[in-house]
Amino acid sequence: QKTAPDPLAIYEDYSFAGQPPSPFIMLAKHILSVTANLASCEHLFSTFSTTLMKLHNQLGTCTLQSLAELKMHIHDQQLQKGVKDQIK
């Protein structure tokens, strides 16, 4: 079978039995466990851009940031619940 090797399993092979993993191996496991996904970041910038355009800079920076974070939080909750409607 053609399967890609698991990088975390490879680092586990380099550790000694009964010994805690070295700081390098712990760092590698931490970095490799992060999922690379820009969709949520791009969605946040899109939401912030839309909010900024609609309000024509009439609100303060803190209020705009809070509003964008609130929209993103609601969007995440809807994704967890499986709601398909879009917040505008």
PDB file of N, CA and C in Angstrom:
ATOM      1  N   GLN A   1       0.837  -1.186   0.000  1.00  0.00           N
ATOM      2  CA  GLN A   1       0.000   0.000   0.000  1.00  0.00           C
ATOM      3  C   GLN A   1       0.876   1.242   0.000  1.00  0.00           C
ATOM      4  N   LYS A   2       0.408   2.236  -0.708  1.00  0.00           N
ATOM      5  CA  LYS A   2       1.123   3.508  -0.720  1.00  0.00           C
ATOM      6  C   LYS A   2       0.490   4.421   0.316  1.00  0.00           C
ATOM      7  N   THR A   3       1.131   4.529   1.455  1.00  0.00           N
ATOM      8  CA  THR A   3       0.636   5.421   2.499  1.00  0.00           C
ATOM      9  C   THR A   3       1.760   6.348   2.919  1.00  0.00           C
ATOM     10  N   ALA A   4       1.393   7.535   3.289  1.00  0.00           N
ATOM     11  CA  ALA A   4       2.376   8.502   3.771  1.00  0.00           C
ATOM     12  C   ALA A   4       2.759   8.145   5.205  1.00  0.00           C
ATOM     13  N   PRO A   5       4.030   8.296   5.548  1.00  0.00           N
ATOM     14  CA  PRO A   5       4.434   7.988   6.928  1.00  0.00           C
ATOM     15  C   PRO A   5       3.869   9.015   7.901  1.00  0.00           C
ATOM     16  N   ASP A   6       3.612   8.572   9.101  1.00  0.00           N
ATOM     17  CA  ASP A   6       3.118   9.458  10.154  1.00  0.00           C
ATOM     18  C   ASP A   6       4.322  10.126  10.813  1.00  0.00           C
ATOM     19  N   PRO A   7       4.488  11.451  10.664  1.00  0.00           N
ATOM     20  CA  PRO A   7       5.657  12.122  11.241  1.00  0.00           C
ATOM     21  C   PRO A   7       5.743  11.969  12.758  1.00  0.00           C
ATOM     22  N   LEU A   8       4.604  11.968  13.437  1.00  0.00           N
ATOM     23  CA  LEU A   8       4.632  11.815  14.893  1.00  0.00           C
ATOM     24  C   LEU A   8       5.149  10.438  15.286  1.00  0.00           C
ATOM     25  N   ALA A   9       4.778   9.414  14.538  1.00  0.00           N
ATOM     26  CA  ALA A   9       5.258   8.062  14.831  1.00  0.00           C
ATOM     27  C   ALA A   9       6.764   7.967  14.608  1.00  0.00           C
ATOM     28  N   ILE A  10       7.276   8.659  13.617  1.00  0.00           N
ATOM     29  CA  ILE A  10       8.718   8.651  13.355  1.00  0.00           C
ATOM     30  C   ILE A  10       9.466   9.262  14.531  1.00  0.00           C
ATOM     31  N   TYR A  11       8.976  10.378  15.067  1.00  0.00           N
ATOM     32  CA  TYR A  11       9.644  10.994  16.210  1.00  0.00           C
ATOM     33  C   TYR A  11       9.559  10.108  17.447  1.00  0.00           C
ATOM     34  N   GLU A  12       8.474   9.365  17.595  1.00  0.00           N
ATOM     35  CA  GLU A  12       8.362   8.445  18.726  1.00  0.00           C
ATOM     36  C   GLU A  12       9.386   7.322  18.616  1.00  0.00           C
ATOM     37  N   ASP A  13       9.742   6.921  17.397  1.00  0.00           N
ATOM     38  CA  ASP A  13      10.757   5.884  17.201  1.00  0.00           C
ATOM     39  C   ASP A  13      12.141   6.353  17.640  1.00  0.00           C
ATOM     40  N   TYR A  14      12.371   7.659  17.648  1.00  0.00           N
ATOM     41  CA  TYR A  14      13.669   8.190  18.046  1.00  0.00           C
ATOM     42  C   TYR A  14      13.797   8.394  19.556  1.00  0.00           C
ATOM     43  N   SER A  15      12.757   8.178  20.304  1.00  0.00           N
ATOM     44  CA  SER A  15      12.842   8.324  21.761  1.00  0.00           C
ATOM     45  C   SER A  15      13.233   6.987  22.381  1.00  0.00           C
ATOM     46  N   PHE A  16      13.849   7.052  23.551  1.00  0.00           N
ATOM     47  CA  PHE A  16      14.295   5.856  24.256  1.00  0.00           C
ATOM     48  C   PHE A  16      13.191   5.363  25.175  1.00  0.00           C
ATOM     49  N   ALA A  17      13.040   4.046  25.251  1.00  0.00           N
ATOM     50  CA  ALA A  17      12.006   3.454  26.105  1.00  0.00           C
ATOM     51  C   ALA A  17      12.291   3.788  27.566  1.00  0.00           C
ATOM     52  N   GLY A  18      11.269   4.213  28.279  1.00  0.00           N
ATOM     53  CA  GLY A  18      11.408   4.546  29.692  1.00  0.00           C
ATOM     54  C   GLY A  18      11.955   5.937  29.958  1.00  0.00           C
ATOM     55  N   GLN A  19      12.345   6.646  28.920  1.00  0.00           N
ATOM     56  CA  GLN A  19      12.890   8.001  29.058  1.00  0.00           C
ATOM     57  C   GLN A  19      11.861   9.008  28.551  1.00  0.00           C
ATOM     58  N   PRO A  20      11.796  10.154  29.189  1.00  0.00           N
ATOM     59  CA  PRO A  20      10.893  11.182  28.645  1.00  0.00           C
ATOM     60  C   PRO A  20      11.442  11.679  27.305  1.00  0.00           C
ATOM     61  N   PRO A  21      10.569  12.109  26.423  1.00  0.00           N
ATOM     62  CA  PRO A  21      11.052  12.600  25.120  1.00  0.00           C
ATOM     63  C   PRO A  21      11.896  13.857  25.289  1.00  0.00           C
ATOM     64  N   SER A  22      12.842  14.027  24.389  1.00  0.00           N
ATOM     65  CA  SER A  22      13.713  15.205  24.442  1.00  0.00           C
ATOM     66  C   SER A  22      12.898  16.457  24.109  1.00  0.00           C
ATOM     67  N   PRO A  23      13.403  17.629  24.513  1.00  0.00           N
ATOM     68  CA  PRO A  23      12.681  18.878  24.185  1.00  0.00           C
ATOM     69  C   PRO A  23      12.461  19.048  22.677  1.00  0.00           C
ATOM     70  N   PHE A  24      13.419  18.596  21.867  1.00  0.00           N
ATOM     71  CA  PHE A  24      13.264  18.694  20.413  1.00  0.00           C
ATOM     72  C   PHE A  24      12.082  17.859  19.933  1.00  0.00           C
ATOM     73  N   ILE A  25      11.974  16.635  20.442  1.00  0.00           N
ATOM     74  CA  ILE A  25      10.873  15.756  20.039  1.00  0.00           C
ATOM     75  C   ILE A  25       9.543  16.316  20.535  1.00  0.00           C
ATOM     76  N   MET A  26       9.520  16.883  21.739  1.00  0.00           N
ATOM     77  CA  MET A  26       8.286  17.490  22.253  1.00  0.00           C
ATOM     78  C   MET A  26       7.874  18.676  21.382  1.00  0.00           C
ATOM     79  N   LEU A  27       8.861  19.492  20.969  1.00  0.00           N
ATOM     80  CA  LEU A  27       8.574  20.631  20.090  1.00  0.00           C
ATOM     81  C   LEU A  27       8.052  20.149  18.736  1.00  0.00           C
ATOM     82  N   ALA A  28       8.692  19.121  18.184  1.00  0.00           N
ATOM     83  CA  ALA A  28       8.252  18.582  16.892  1.00  0.00           C
ATOM     84  C   ALA A  28       6.823  18.056  16.984  1.00  0.00           C
ATOM     85  N   LYS A  29       6.494  17.350  18.062  1.00  0.00           N
ATOM     86  CA  LYS A  29       5.132  16.834  18.235  1.00  0.00           C
ATOM     87  C   LYS A  29       4.128  17.975  18.331  1.00  0.00           C
ATOM     88  N   HIS A  30       4.517  19.037  19.045  1.00  0.00           N
ATOM     89  CA  HIS A  30       3.621  20.188  19.200  1.00  0.00           C
ATOM     90  C   HIS A  30       3.374  20.867  17.848  1.00  0.00           C
ATOM     91  N   ILE A  31       4.436  21.079  17.093  1.00  0.00           N
ATOM     92  CA  ILE A  31       4.305  21.759  15.799  1.00  0.00           C
ATOM     93  C   ILE A  31       3.526  20.899  14.807  1.00  0.00           C
ATOM     94  N   LEU A  32       3.813  19.599  14.779  1.00  0.00           N
ATOM     95  CA  LEU A  32       3.152  18.720  13.813  1.00  0.00           C
ATOM     96  C   LEU A  32       1.698  18.444  14.160  1.00  0.00           C
ATOM     97  N   SER A  33       1.303  18.721  15.399  1.00  0.00           N
ATOM     98  CA  SER A  33      -0.089  18.475  15.778  1.00  0.00           C
ATOM     99  C   SER A  33      -1.013  19.628  15.392  1.00  0.00           C
ATOM    100  N   VAL A  34      -0.448  20.763  14.989  1.00  0.00           N
ATOM    101  CA  VAL A  34      -1.245  21.921  14.578  1.00  0.00           C
ATOM    102  C   VAL A  34      -1.740  21.704  13.153  1.00  0.00           C
ATOM    103  N   THR A  35      -3.025  21.857  12.958  1.00  0.00           N
ATOM    104  CA  THR A  35      -3.606  21.703  11.630  1.00  0.00           C
ATOM    105  C   THR A  35      -3.452  23.008  10.857  1.00  0.00           C
ATOM    106  N   ALA A  36      -2.912  22.910   9.675  1.00  0.00           N
ATOM    107  CA  ALA A  36      -2.738  24.099   8.839  1.00  0.00           C
ATOM    108  C   ALA A  36      -4.047  24.384   8.112  1.00  0.00           C
ATOM    109  N   ASN A  37      -4.705  25.475   8.496  1.00  0.00           N
ATOM    110  CA  ASN A  37      -5.975  25.832   7.879  1.00  0.00           C
ATOM    111  C   ASN A  37      -6.125  27.343   7.942  1.00  0.00           C
ATOM    112  N   LEU A  38      -6.240  27.966   6.814  1.00  0.00           N
ATOM    113  CA  LEU A  38      -6.383  29.416   6.756  1.00  0.00           C
ATOM    114  C   LEU A  38      -7.825  29.861   6.573  1.00  0.00           C
ATOM    115  N   ALA A  39      -8.736  28.920   6.429  1.00  0.00           N
ATOM    116  CA  ALA A  39     -10.123  29.279   6.134  1.00  0.00           C
ATOM    117  C   ALA A  39     -10.727  30.153   7.223  1.00  0.00           C
ATOM    118  N   SER A  40     -10.509  29.801   8.494  1.00  0.00           N
ATOM    119  CA  SER A  40     -11.105  30.592   9.572  1.00  0.00           C
ATOM    120  C   SER A  40     -10.488  31.982   9.635  1.00  0.00           C
ATOM    121  N   CYS A  41      -9.192  32.082   9.384  1.00  0.00           N
ATOM    122  CA  CYS A  41      -8.522  33.387   9.386  1.00  0.00           C
ATOM    123  C   CYS A  41      -9.050  34.252   8.242  1.00  0.00           C
ATOM    124  N   GLU A  42      -9.169  33.663   7.059  1.00  0.00           N
ATOM    125  CA  GLU A  42      -9.695  34.405   5.912  1.00  0.00           C
ATOM    126  C   GLU A  42     -11.142  34.824   6.143  1.00  0.00           C
ATOM    127  N   HIS A  43     -11.923  33.955   6.783  1.00  0.00           N
ATOM    128  CA  HIS A  43     -13.319  34.283   7.070  1.00  0.00           C
ATOM    129  C   HIS A  43     -13.396  35.461   8.043  1.00  0.00           C
ATOM    130  N   LEU A  44     -12.512  35.472   9.045  1.00  0.00           N
ATOM    131  CA  LEU A  44     -12.508  36.568  10.014  1.00  0.00           C
ATOM    132  C   LEU A  44     -12.172  37.892   9.332  1.00  0.00           C
ATOM    133  N   PHE A  45     -11.164  37.903   8.452  1.00  0.00           N
ATOM    134  CA  PHE A  45     -10.818  39.131   7.742  1.00  0.00           C
ATOM    135  C   PHE A  45     -11.958  39.575   6.830  1.00  0.00           C
ATOM    136  N   SER A  46     -12.630  38.626   6.198  1.00  0.00           N
ATOM    137  CA  SER A  46     -13.765  38.954   5.338  1.00  0.00           C
ATOM    138  C   SER A  46     -14.896  39.569   6.152  1.00  0.00           C
ATOM    139  N   THR A  47     -15.185  38.964   7.310  1.00  0.00           N
ATOM    140  CA  THR A  47     -16.236  39.489   8.191  1.00  0.00           C
ATOM    141  C   THR A  47     -15.882  40.885   8.671  1.00  0.00           C
ATOM    142  N   PHE A  48     -14.630  41.075   9.058  1.00  0.00           N
ATOM    143  CA  PHE A  48     -14.190  42.379   9.547  1.00  0.00           C
ATOM    144  C   PHE A  48     -14.271  43.420   8.432  1.00  0.00           C
ATOM    145  N   SER A  49     -13.891  43.037   7.221  1.00  0.00           N
ATOM    146  CA  SER A  49     -13.953  43.955   6.084  1.00  0.00           C
ATOM    147  C   SER A  49     -15.388  44.378   5.802  1.00  0.00           C
ATOM    148  N   THR A  50     -16.306  43.410   5.816  1.00  0.00           N
ATOM    149  CA  THR A  50     -17.720  43.710   5.573  1.00  0.00           C
ATOM    150  C   THR A  50     -18.265  44.642   6.644  1.00  0.00           C
ATOM    151  N   THR A  51     -17.939  44.356   7.898  1.00  0.00           N
ATOM    152  CA  THR A  51     -18.400  45.189   9.010  1.00  0.00           C
ATOM    153  C   THR A  51     -17.841  46.599   8.884  1.00  0.00           C
ATOM    154  N   LEU A  52     -16.575  46.701   8.530  1.00  0.00           N
ATOM    155  CA  LEU A  52     -15.930  48.002   8.405  1.00  0.00           C
ATOM    156  C   LEU A  52     -16.567  48.818   7.282  1.00  0.00           C
ATOM    157  N   MET A  53     -16.868  48.178   6.167  1.00  0.00           N
ATOM    158  CA  MET A  53     -17.482  48.882   5.045  1.00  0.00           C
ATOM    159  C   MET A  53     -18.884  49.365   5.392  1.00  0.00           C
ATOM    160  N   LYS A  54     -19.665  48.521   6.041  1.00  0.00           N
ATOM    161  CA  LYS A  54     -21.056  48.871   6.337  1.00  0.00           C
ATOM    162  C   LYS A  54     -21.152  50.005   7.350  1.00  0.00           C
ATOM    163  N   LEU A  55     -20.234  50.047   8.282  1.00  0.00           N
ATOM    164  CA  LEU A  55     -20.344  51.044   9.346  1.00  0.00           C
ATOM    165  C   LEU A  55     -19.574  52.325   9.035  1.00  0.00           C
ATOM    166  N   HIS A  56     -18.838  52.334   7.922  1.00  0.00           N
ATOM    167  CA  HIS A  56     -18.140  53.539   7.463  1.00  0.00           C
ATOM    168  C   HIS A  56     -17.301  54.193   8.563  1.00  0.00           C
ATOM    169  N   ASN A  57     -16.612  53.380   9.307  1.00  0.00           N
ATOM    170  CA  ASN A  57     -15.690  53.859  10.344  1.00  0.00           C
ATOM    171  C   ASN A  57     -16.365  54.719  11.407  1.00  0.00           C
ATOM    172  N   GLN A  58     -17.643  54.530  11.651  1.00  0.00           N
ATOM    173  CA  GLN A  58     -18.328  55.332  12.661  1.00  0.00           C
ATOM    174  C   GLN A  58     -18.146  54.762  14.063  1.00  0.00           C
ATOM    175  N   LEU A  59     -17.707  53.529  14.157  1.00  0.00           N
ATOM    176  CA  LEU A  59     -17.494  52.907  15.456  1.00  0.00           C
ATOM    177  C   LEU A  59     -16.006  52.886  15.776  1.00  0.00           C
ATOM    178  N   GLY A  60     -15.696  52.762  17.044  1.00  0.00           N
ATOM    179  CA  GLY A  60     -14.304  52.688  17.458  1.00  0.00           C
ATOM    180  C   GLY A  60     -13.681  51.348  17.098  1.00  0.00           C
ATOM    181  N   THR A  61     -12.362  51.303  17.154  1.00  0.00           N
ATOM    182  CA  THR A  61     -11.625  50.087  16.818  1.00  0.00           C
ATOM    183  C   THR A  61     -12.011  48.929  17.722  1.00  0.00           C
ATOM    184  N   CYS A  62     -12.139  49.193  19.011  1.00  0.00           N
ATOM    185  CA  CYS A  62     -12.486  48.146  19.972  1.00  0.00           C
ATOM    186  C   CYS A  62     -13.864  47.569  19.672  1.00  0.00           C
ATOM    187  N   THR A  63     -14.817  48.430  19.346  1.00  0.00           N
ATOM    188  CA  THR A  63     -16.174  47.975  19.038  1.00  0.00           C
ATOM    189  C   THR A  63     -16.191  47.145  17.764  1.00  0.00           C
ATOM    190  N   LEU A  64     -15.450  47.581  16.736  1.00  0.00           N
ATOM    191  CA  LEU A  64     -15.378  46.823  15.487  1.00  0.00           C
ATOM    192  C   LEU A  64     -14.755  45.451  15.709  1.00  0.00           C
ATOM    193  N   GLN A  65     -13.687  45.410  16.510  1.00  0.00           N
ATOM    194  CA  GLN A  65     -13.036  44.137  16.802  1.00  0.00           C
ATOM    195  C   GLN A  65     -13.982  43.211  17.556  1.00  0.00           C
ATOM    196  N   SER A  66     -14.676  43.748  18.546  1.00  0.00           N
ATOM    197  CA  SER A  66     -15.624  42.944  19.323  1.00  0.00           C
ATOM    198  C   SER A  66     -16.754  42.420  18.444  1.00  0.00           C
ATOM    199  N   LEU A  67     -17.236  43.257  17.534  1.00  0.00           N
ATOM    200  CA  LEU A  67     -18.311  42.855  16.630  1.00  0.00           C
ATOM    201  C   LEU A  67     -17.857  41.735  15.690  1.00  0.00           C
ATOM    202  N   ALA A  68     -16.641  41.854  15.157  1.00  0.00           N
ATOM    203  CA  ALA A  68     -16.108  40.817  14.266  1.00  0.00           C
ATOM    204  C   ALA A  68     -15.912  39.504  15.019  1.00  0.00           C
ATOM    205  N   GLU A  69     -15.398  39.577  16.261  1.00  0.00           N
ATOM    206  CA  GLU A  69     -15.196  38.370  17.059  1.00  0.00           C
ATOM    207  C   GLU A  69     -16.528  37.721  17.415  1.00  0.00           C
ATOM    208  N   LEU A  70     -17.542  38.536  17.701  1.00  0.00           N
ATOM    209  CA  LEU A  70     -18.865  38.006  18.018  1.00  0.00           C
ATOM    210  C   LEU A  70     -19.458  37.271  16.812  1.00  0.00           C
ATOM    211  N   LYS A  71     -19.343  37.889  15.617  1.00  0.00           N
ATOM    212  CA  LYS A  71     -19.841  37.236  14.409  1.00  0.00           C
ATOM    213  C   LYS A  71     -19.128  35.910  14.172  1.00  0.00           C
ATOM    214  N   MET A  72     -17.799  35.883  14.393  1.00  0.00           N
ATOM    215  CA  MET A  72     -17.037  34.652  14.187  1.00  0.00           C
ATOM    216  C   MET A  72     -17.450  33.583  15.194  1.00  0.00           C
ATOM    217  N   HIS A  73     -17.692  33.987  16.429  1.00  0.00           N
ATOM    218  CA  HIS A  73     -18.113  33.040  17.467  1.00  0.00           C
ATOM    219  C   HIS A  73     -19.477  32.439  17.120  1.00  0.00           C
ATOM    220  N   ILE A  74     -20.402  33.281  16.682  1.00  0.00           N
ATOM    221  CA  ILE A  74     -21.731  32.796  16.289  1.00  0.00           C
ATOM    222  C   ILE A  74     -21.613  31.858  15.091  1.00  0.00           C
ATOM    223  N   HIS A  75     -20.754  32.219  14.137  1.00  0.00           N
ATOM    224  CA  HIS A  75     -20.540  31.371  12.962  1.00  0.00           C
ATOM    225  C   HIS A  75     -19.997  29.998  13.371  1.00  0.00           C
ATOM    226  N   ASP A  76     -19.032  29.971  14.294  1.00  0.00           N
ATOM    227  CA  ASP A  76     -18.472  28.701  14.767  1.00  0.00           C
ATOM    228  C   ASP A  76     -19.529  27.854  15.463  1.00  0.00           C
ATOM    229  N   GLN A  77     -20.385  28.497  16.264  1.00  0.00           N
ATOM    230  CA  GLN A  77     -21.449  27.753  16.944  1.00  0.00           C
ATOM    231  C   GLN A  77     -22.427  27.161  15.934  1.00  0.00           C
ATOM    232  N   GLN A  78     -22.747  27.924  14.893  1.00  0.00           N
ATOM    233  CA  GLN A  78     -23.661  27.426  13.871  1.00  0.00           C
ATOM    234  C   GLN A  78     -23.048  26.261  13.104  1.00  0.00           C
ATOM    235  N   LEU A  79     -21.740  26.317  12.861  1.00  0.00           N
ATOM    236  CA  LEU A  79     -21.078  25.203  12.190  1.00  0.00           C
ATOM    237  C   LEU A  79     -21.137  23.943  13.041  1.00  0.00           C
ATOM    238  N   GLN A  80     -20.963  24.107  14.356  1.00  0.00           N
ATOM    239  CA  GLN A  80     -21.027  22.954  15.254  1.00  0.00           C
ATOM    240  C   GLN A  80     -22.427  22.358  15.278  1.00  0.00           C
ATOM    241  N   LYS A  81     -23.445  23.212  15.171  1.00  0.00           N
ATOM    242  CA  LYS A  81     -24.829  22.735  15.200  1.00  0.00           C
ATOM    243  C   LYS A  81     -25.302  22.274  13.823  1.00  0.00           C
ATOM    244  N   GLY A  82     -24.530  22.568  12.796  1.00  0.00           N
ATOM    245  CA  GLY A  82     -24.904  22.154  11.453  1.00  0.00           C
ATOM    246  C   GLY A  82     -25.845  23.109  10.755  1.00  0.00           C
ATOM    247  N   VAL A  83     -25.945  24.345  11.225  1.00  0.00           N
ATOM    248  CA  VAL A  83     -26.817  25.341  10.604  1.00  0.00           C
ATOM    249  C   VAL A  83     -26.150  25.833   9.321  1.00  0.00           C
ATOM    250  N   LYS A  84     -26.905  25.905   8.252  1.00  0.00           N
ATOM    251  CA  LYS A  84     -26.359  26.288   6.948  1.00  0.00           C
ATOM    252  C   LYS A  84     -26.541  27.764   6.631  1.00  0.00           C
ATOM    253  N   ASP A  85     -27.405  28.469   7.358  1.00  0.00           N
ATOM    254  CA  ASP A  85     -27.679  29.873   7.055  1.00  0.00           C
ATOM    255  C   ASP A  85     -26.446  30.721   7.318  1.00  0.00           C
ATOM    256  N   GLN A  86     -26.328  31.801   6.578  1.00  0.00           N
ATOM    257  CA  GLN A  86     -25.190  32.681   6.698  1.00  0.00           C
ATOM    258  C   GLN A  86     -25.595  33.949   7.433  1.00  0.00           C
ATOM    259  N   ILE A  87     -24.731  34.404   8.329  1.00  0.00           N
ATOM    260  CA  ILE A  87     -24.980  35.653   9.056  1.00  0.00           C
ATOM    261  C   ILE A  87     -24.517  36.808   8.183  1.00  0.00           C
ATOM    262  N   LYS A  88     -25.356  37.831   8.051  1.00  0.00           N
ATOM    263  CA  LYS A  88     -24.974  39.005   7.259  1.00  0.00           C
ATOM    264  C   LYS A  88     -25.025  40.233   8.113  1.00  0.00           C
TER     265      LYS A  88
END
